[in-house]
PDB file of N, CA and C in Angstrom:
ATOM      1  N   MET A   1      -0.641 -25.378   7.944  1.00  0.00           N
ATOM      2  CA  MET A   1       0.239 -24.998   6.854  1.00  0.00           C
ATOM      3  C   MET A   1       1.423 -24.239   7.442  1.00  0.00           C
ATOM      4  N   SER A   2       2.611 -24.615   7.051  1.00  0.00           N
ATOM      5  CA  SER A   2       3.814 -23.970   7.579  1.00  0.00           C
ATOM      6  C   SER A   2       4.033 -22.614   6.902  1.00  0.00           C
ATOM      7  N   ILE A   3       4.889 -21.819   7.481  1.00  0.00           N
ATOM      8  CA  ILE A   3       5.234 -20.508   6.918  1.00  0.00           C
ATOM      9  C   ILE A   3       5.834 -20.682   5.530  1.00  0.00           C
ATOM     10  N   ASP A   4       6.702 -21.672   5.354  1.00  0.00           N
ATOM     11  CA  ASP A   4       7.321 -21.912   4.051  1.00  0.00           C
ATOM     12  C   ASP A   4       6.270 -22.239   2.990  1.00  0.00           C
ATOM     13  N   GLU A   5       5.313 -23.085   3.343  1.00  0.00           N
ATOM     14  CA  GLU A   5       4.263 -23.461   2.390  1.00  0.00           C
ATOM     15  C   GLU A   5       3.393 -22.257   2.048  1.00  0.00           C
ATOM     16  N   LEU A   6       3.051 -21.491   3.052  1.00  0.00           N
ATOM     17  CA  LEU A   6       2.230 -20.306   2.834  1.00  0.00           C
ATOM     18  C   LEU A   6       2.953 -19.294   1.953  1.00  0.00           C
ATOM     19  N   THR A   7       4.234 -19.074   2.220  1.00  0.00           N
ATOM     20  CA  THR A   7       5.028 -18.137   1.418  1.00  0.00           C
ATOM     21  C   THR A   7       5.099 -18.594  -0.032  1.00  0.00           C
ATOM     22  N   ARG A   8       5.349 -19.866  -0.255  1.00  0.00           N
ATOM     23  CA  ARG A   8       5.407 -20.409  -1.614  1.00  0.00           C
ATOM     24  C   ARG A   8       4.070 -20.224  -2.329  1.00  0.00           C
ATOM     25  N   LYS A   9       2.983 -20.476  -1.623  1.00  0.00           N
ATOM     26  CA  LYS A   9       1.642 -20.338  -2.199  1.00  0.00           C
ATOM     27  C   LYS A   9       1.376 -18.893  -2.627  1.00  0.00           C
ATOM     28  N   ILE A  10       1.737 -17.939  -1.766  1.00  0.00           N
ATOM     29  CA  ILE A  10       1.529 -16.523  -2.074  1.00  0.00           C
ATOM     30  C   ILE A  10       2.372 -16.089  -3.268  1.00  0.00           C
ATOM     31  N   ILE A  11       3.622 -16.533  -3.309  1.00  0.00           N
ATOM     32  CA  ILE A  11       4.506 -16.183  -4.430  1.00  0.00           C
ATOM     33  C   ILE A  11       3.968 -16.763  -5.741  1.00  0.00           C
ATOM     34  N   ASP A  12       3.518 -17.995  -5.702  1.00  0.00           N
ATOM     35  CA  ASP A  12       2.966 -18.619  -6.911  1.00  0.00           C
ATOM     36  C   ASP A  12       1.706 -17.901  -7.394  1.00  0.00           C
ATOM     37  N   GLN A  13       0.857 -17.494  -6.468  1.00  0.00           N
ATOM     38  CA  GLN A  13      -0.351 -16.768  -6.847  1.00  0.00           C
ATOM     39  C   GLN A  13      -0.018 -15.421  -7.469  1.00  0.00           C
ATOM     40  N   ALA A  14       0.988 -14.751  -6.932  1.00  0.00           N
ATOM     41  CA  ALA A  14       1.367 -13.428  -7.422  1.00  0.00           C
ATOM     42  C   ALA A  14       1.910 -13.494  -8.849  1.00  0.00           C
ATOM     43  N   LYS A  15       2.559 -14.588  -9.201  1.00  0.00           N
ATOM     44  CA  LYS A  15       3.139 -14.719 -10.542  1.00  0.00           C
ATOM     45  C   LYS A  15       2.070 -14.694 -11.629  1.00  0.00           C
ATOM     46  N   ASN A  16       0.880 -15.172 -11.316  1.00  0.00           N
ATOM     47  CA  ASN A  16      -0.174 -15.304 -12.327  1.00  0.00           C
ATOM     48  C   ASN A  16      -1.149 -14.134 -12.365  1.00  0.00           C
ATOM     49  N   ARG A  17      -0.939 -13.127 -11.523  1.00  0.00           N
ATOM     50  CA  ARG A  17      -1.862 -11.986 -11.489  1.00  0.00           C
ATOM     51  C   ARG A  17      -1.616 -11.041 -12.660  1.00  0.00           C
ATOM     52  N   THR A  18      -2.712 -10.508 -13.177  1.00  0.00           N
ATOM     53  CA  THR A  18      -2.612  -9.479 -14.213  1.00  0.00           C
ATOM     54  C   THR A  18      -2.398  -8.127 -13.534  1.00  0.00           C
ATOM     55  N   HIS A  19      -2.073  -7.139 -14.327  1.00  0.00           N
ATOM     56  CA  HIS A  19      -1.879  -5.787 -13.803  1.00  0.00           C
ATOM     57  C   HIS A  19      -3.169  -5.287 -13.152  1.00  0.00           C
ATOM     58  N   GLU A  20      -4.292  -5.547 -13.792  1.00  0.00           N
ATOM     59  CA  GLU A  20      -5.585  -5.114 -13.273  1.00  0.00           C
ATOM     60  C   GLU A  20      -5.899  -5.781 -11.929  1.00  0.00           C
ATOM     61  N   GLU A  21      -5.555  -7.056 -11.798  1.00  0.00           N
ATOM     62  CA  GLU A  21      -5.781  -7.765 -10.535  1.00  0.00           C
ATOM     63  C   GLU A  21      -4.905  -7.188  -9.424  1.00  0.00           C
ATOM     64  N   ARG A  22      -3.672  -6.818  -9.770  1.00  0.00           N
ATOM     65  CA  ARG A  22      -2.786  -6.201  -8.778  1.00  0.00           C
ATOM     66  C   ARG A  22      -3.346  -4.857  -8.314  1.00  0.00           C
ATOM     67  N   LEU A  23      -3.817  -4.060  -9.275  1.00  0.00           N
ATOM     68  CA  LEU A  23      -4.410  -2.770  -8.927  1.00  0.00           C
ATOM     69  C   LEU A  23      -5.620  -2.956  -8.023  1.00  0.00           C
ATOM     70  N   GLN A  24      -6.457  -3.935  -8.338  1.00  0.00           N
ATOM     71  CA  GLN A  24      -7.644  -4.195  -7.531  1.00  0.00           C
ATOM     72  C   GLN A  24      -7.261  -4.587  -6.097  1.00  0.00           C
ATOM     73  N   LEU A  25      -6.248  -5.434  -5.946  1.00  0.00           N
ATOM     74  CA  LEU A  25      -5.788  -5.822  -4.608  1.00  0.00           C
ATOM     75  C   LEU A  25      -5.286  -4.609  -3.822  1.00  0.00           C
ATOM     76  N   LEU A  26      -4.531  -3.741  -4.488  1.00  0.00           N
ATOM     77  CA  LEU A  26      -4.001  -2.548  -3.830  1.00  0.00           C
ATOM     78  C   LEU A  26      -5.120  -1.579  -3.447  1.00  0.00           C
ATOM     79  N   GLN A  27      -6.165  -1.498  -4.272  1.00  0.00           N
ATOM     80  CA  GLN A  27      -7.305  -0.644  -3.943  1.00  0.00           C
ATOM     81  C   GLN A  27      -8.105  -1.224  -2.780  1.00  0.00           C
ATOM     82  N   GLU A  28      -8.296  -2.524  -2.768  1.00  0.00           N
ATOM     83  CA  GLU A  28      -9.028  -3.166  -1.675  1.00  0.00           C
ATOM     84  C   GLU A  28      -8.276  -3.040  -0.351  1.00  0.00           C
ATOM     85  N   ALA A  29      -6.952  -2.957  -0.417  1.00  0.00           N
ATOM     86  CA  ALA A  29      -6.125  -2.798   0.783  1.00  0.00           C
ATOM     87  C   ALA A  29      -5.972  -1.327   1.174  1.00  0.00           C
ATOM     88  N   ASN A  30      -6.661  -0.429   0.455  1.00  0.00           N
ATOM     89  CA  ASN A  30      -6.610   1.016   0.697  1.00  0.00           C
ATOM     90  C   ASN A  30      -5.212   1.585   0.540  1.00  0.00           C
ATOM     91  N   ILE A  31      -4.419   0.988  -0.330  1.00  0.00           N
ATOM     92  CA  ILE A  31      -3.099   1.519  -0.644  1.00  0.00           C
ATOM     93  C   ILE A  31      -3.223   2.491  -1.813  1.00  0.00           C
ATOM     94  N   LEU A  32      -4.079   2.134  -2.780  1.00  0.00           N
ATOM     95  CA  LEU A  32      -4.380   3.015  -3.905  1.00  0.00           C
ATOM     96  C   LEU A  32      -5.832   3.465  -3.804  1.00  0.00           C
ATOM     97  N   ASP A  33      -6.094   4.690  -4.279  1.00  0.00           N
ATOM     98  CA  ASP A  33      -7.479   5.154  -4.330  1.00  0.00           C
ATOM     99  C   ASP A  33      -8.118   4.696  -5.640  1.00  0.00           C
ATOM    100  N   SER A  34      -9.333   5.129  -5.904  1.00  0.00           N
ATOM    101  CA  SER A  34     -10.054   4.683  -7.094  1.00  0.00           C
ATOM    102  C   SER A  34      -9.415   5.173  -8.392  1.00  0.00           C
ATOM    103  N   GLU A  35      -8.554   6.194  -8.297  1.00  0.00           N
ATOM    104  CA  GLU A  35      -7.859   6.717  -9.476  1.00  0.00           C
ATOM    105  C   GLU A  35      -6.502   6.049  -9.684  1.00  0.00           C
ATOM    106  N   GLY A  36      -6.124   5.132  -8.811  1.00  0.00           N
ATOM    107  CA  GLY A  36      -4.841   4.449  -8.934  1.00  0.00           C
ATOM    108  C   GLY A  36      -3.685   5.204  -8.323  1.00  0.00           C
ATOM    109  N   LYS A  37      -3.985   6.223  -7.519  1.00  0.00           N
ATOM    110  CA  LYS A  37      -2.951   7.004  -6.843  1.00  0.00           C
ATOM    111  C   LYS A  37      -2.866   6.559  -5.389  1.00  0.00           C
ATOM    112  N   LEU A  38      -1.725   6.841  -4.745  1.00  0.00           N
ATOM    113  CA  LEU A  38      -1.575   6.495  -3.333  1.00  0.00           C
ATOM    114  C   LEU A  38      -2.690   7.137  -2.526  1.00  0.00           C
ATOM    115  N   ASP A  39      -3.310   6.373  -1.645  1.00  0.00           N
ATOM    116  CA  ASP A  39      -4.398   6.855  -0.815  1.00  0.00           C
ATOM    117  C   ASP A  39      -3.861   7.867   0.185  1.00  0.00           C
ATOM    118  N   ARG A  40      -4.377   9.081   0.133  1.00  0.00           N
ATOM    119  CA  ARG A  40      -3.866  10.163   0.984  1.00  0.00           C
ATOM    120  C   ARG A  40      -4.172   9.953   2.469  1.00  0.00           C
ATOM    121  N   ASN A  41      -5.114   9.064   2.777  1.00  0.00           N
ATOM    122  CA  ASN A  41      -5.407   8.789   4.186  1.00  0.00           C
ATOM    123  C   ASN A  41      -4.252   8.044   4.855  1.00  0.00           C
ATOM    124  N   PHE A  42      -3.428   7.375   4.071  1.00  0.00           N
ATOM    125  CA  PHE A  42      -2.364   6.562   4.631  1.00  0.00           C
ATOM    126  C   PHE A  42      -0.967   7.009   4.211  1.00  0.00           C
ATOM    127  N   PHE A  43      -0.862   7.752   3.119  1.00  0.00           N
ATOM    128  CA  PHE A  43       0.448   8.153   2.612  1.00  0.00           C
ATOM    129  C   PHE A  43       0.473   9.663   2.439  1.00  0.00           C
ATOM    130  N   ARG A  44       1.530  10.271   2.981  1.00  0.00           N
ATOM    131  CA  ARG A  44       1.681  11.711   2.837  1.00  0.00           C
ATOM    132  C   ARG A  44       3.072  12.013   2.304  1.00  0.00           C
ATOM    133  N   LEU A  45       3.207  13.193   1.722  1.00  0.00           N
ATOM    134  CA  LEU A  45       4.499  13.607   1.190  1.00  0.00           C
ATOM    135  C   LEU A  45       5.494  13.845   2.312  1.00  0.00           C
ATOM    136  N   LYS A  46       6.762  13.584   2.024  1.00  0.00           N
ATOM    137  CA  LYS A  46       7.815  13.769   3.024  1.00  0.00           C
ATOM    138  C   LYS A  46       7.862  15.218   3.514  1.00  0.00           C
ATOM    139  N   GLU A  47       7.564  16.171   2.623  1.00  0.00           N
ATOM    140  CA  GLU A  47       7.591  17.575   3.019  1.00  0.00           C
ATOM    141  C   GLU A  47       6.577  17.840   4.122  1.00  0.00           C
ATOM    142  N   ASN A  48       5.389  17.229   4.017  1.00  0.00           N
ATOM    143  CA  ASN A  48       4.368  17.414   5.042  1.00  0.00           C
ATOM    144  C   ASN A  48       4.831  16.841   6.369  1.00  0.00           C
ATOM    145  N   LEU A  49       5.461  15.693   6.338  1.00  0.00           N
ATOM    146  CA  LEU A  49       5.939  15.076   7.569  1.00  0.00           C
ATOM    147  C   LEU A  49       7.041  15.911   8.205  1.00  0.00           C
ATOM    148  N   LYS A  50       7.944  16.466   7.387  1.00  0.00           N
ATOM    149  CA  LYS A  50       9.019  17.305   7.916  1.00  0.00           C
ATOM    150  C   LYS A  50       8.437  18.546   8.595  1.00  0.00           C
ATOM    151  N   ASN A  51       7.454  19.174   7.956  1.00  0.00           N
ATOM    152  CA  ASN A  51       6.835  20.367   8.525  1.00  0.00           C
ATOM    153  C   ASN A  51       6.125  20.046   9.827  1.00  0.00           C
ATOM    154  N   GLU A  52       5.471  18.911   9.903  1.00  0.00           N
ATOM    155  CA  GLU A  52       4.774  18.515  11.120  1.00  0.00           C
ATOM    156  C   GLU A  52       5.742  18.348  12.275  1.00  0.00           C
ATOM    157  N   HIS A  53       6.896  17.716  12.011  1.00  0.00           N
ATOM    158  CA  HIS A  53       7.885  17.477  13.058  1.00  0.00           C
ATOM    159  C   HIS A  53       8.605  18.769  13.453  1.00  0.00           C
ATOM    160  N   ALA A  54       8.683  19.711  12.538  1.00  0.00           N
ATOM    161  CA  ALA A  54       9.373  20.965  12.837  1.00  0.00           C
ATOM    162  C   ALA A  54       8.549  21.813  13.798  1.00  0.00           C
ATOM    163  N   ASN A  55       7.222  21.685  13.737  1.00  0.00           N
ATOM    164  CA  ASN A  55       6.347  22.478  14.581  1.00  0.00           C
ATOM    165  C   ASN A  55       5.337  21.569  15.273  1.00  0.00           C
ATOM    166  N   PRO A  56       5.714  20.906  16.367  1.00  0.00           N
ATOM    167  CA  PRO A  56       4.838  19.933  17.013  1.00  0.00           C
ATOM    168  C   PRO A  56       3.585  20.540  17.623  1.00  0.00           C
ATOM    169  N   ASN A  57       3.538  21.860  17.857  1.00  0.00           N
ATOM    170  CA  ASN A  57       2.362  22.493  18.450  1.00  0.00           C
ATOM    171  C   ASN A  57       1.299  22.844  17.423  1.00  0.00           C
ATOM    172  N   GLN A  58       1.606  22.642  16.164  1.00  0.00           N
ATOM    173  CA  GLN A  58       0.658  22.964  15.096  1.00  0.00           C
ATOM    174  C   GLN A  58      -0.502  21.980  15.127  1.00  0.00           C
ATOM    175  N   ALA A  59      -1.718  22.501  15.068  1.00  0.00           N
ATOM    176  CA  ALA A  59      -2.904  21.637  15.131  1.00  0.00           C
ATOM    177  C   ALA A  59      -3.300  21.101  13.792  1.00  0.00           C
TER     178      ALA A  59
END
């Protein structure tokens, strides 16, 4: 299957998904947690990242 065919297939599948199916996919991919919020293991607030870079010796 070519990249073009695969891309078309994925786009067509996405058009028919319900909101609940999208949420389930995002949870299975560990993007959202069980409450529907961004998974903190992978996403952090920009303020936390700025503080980390400001003090690289912080454990």
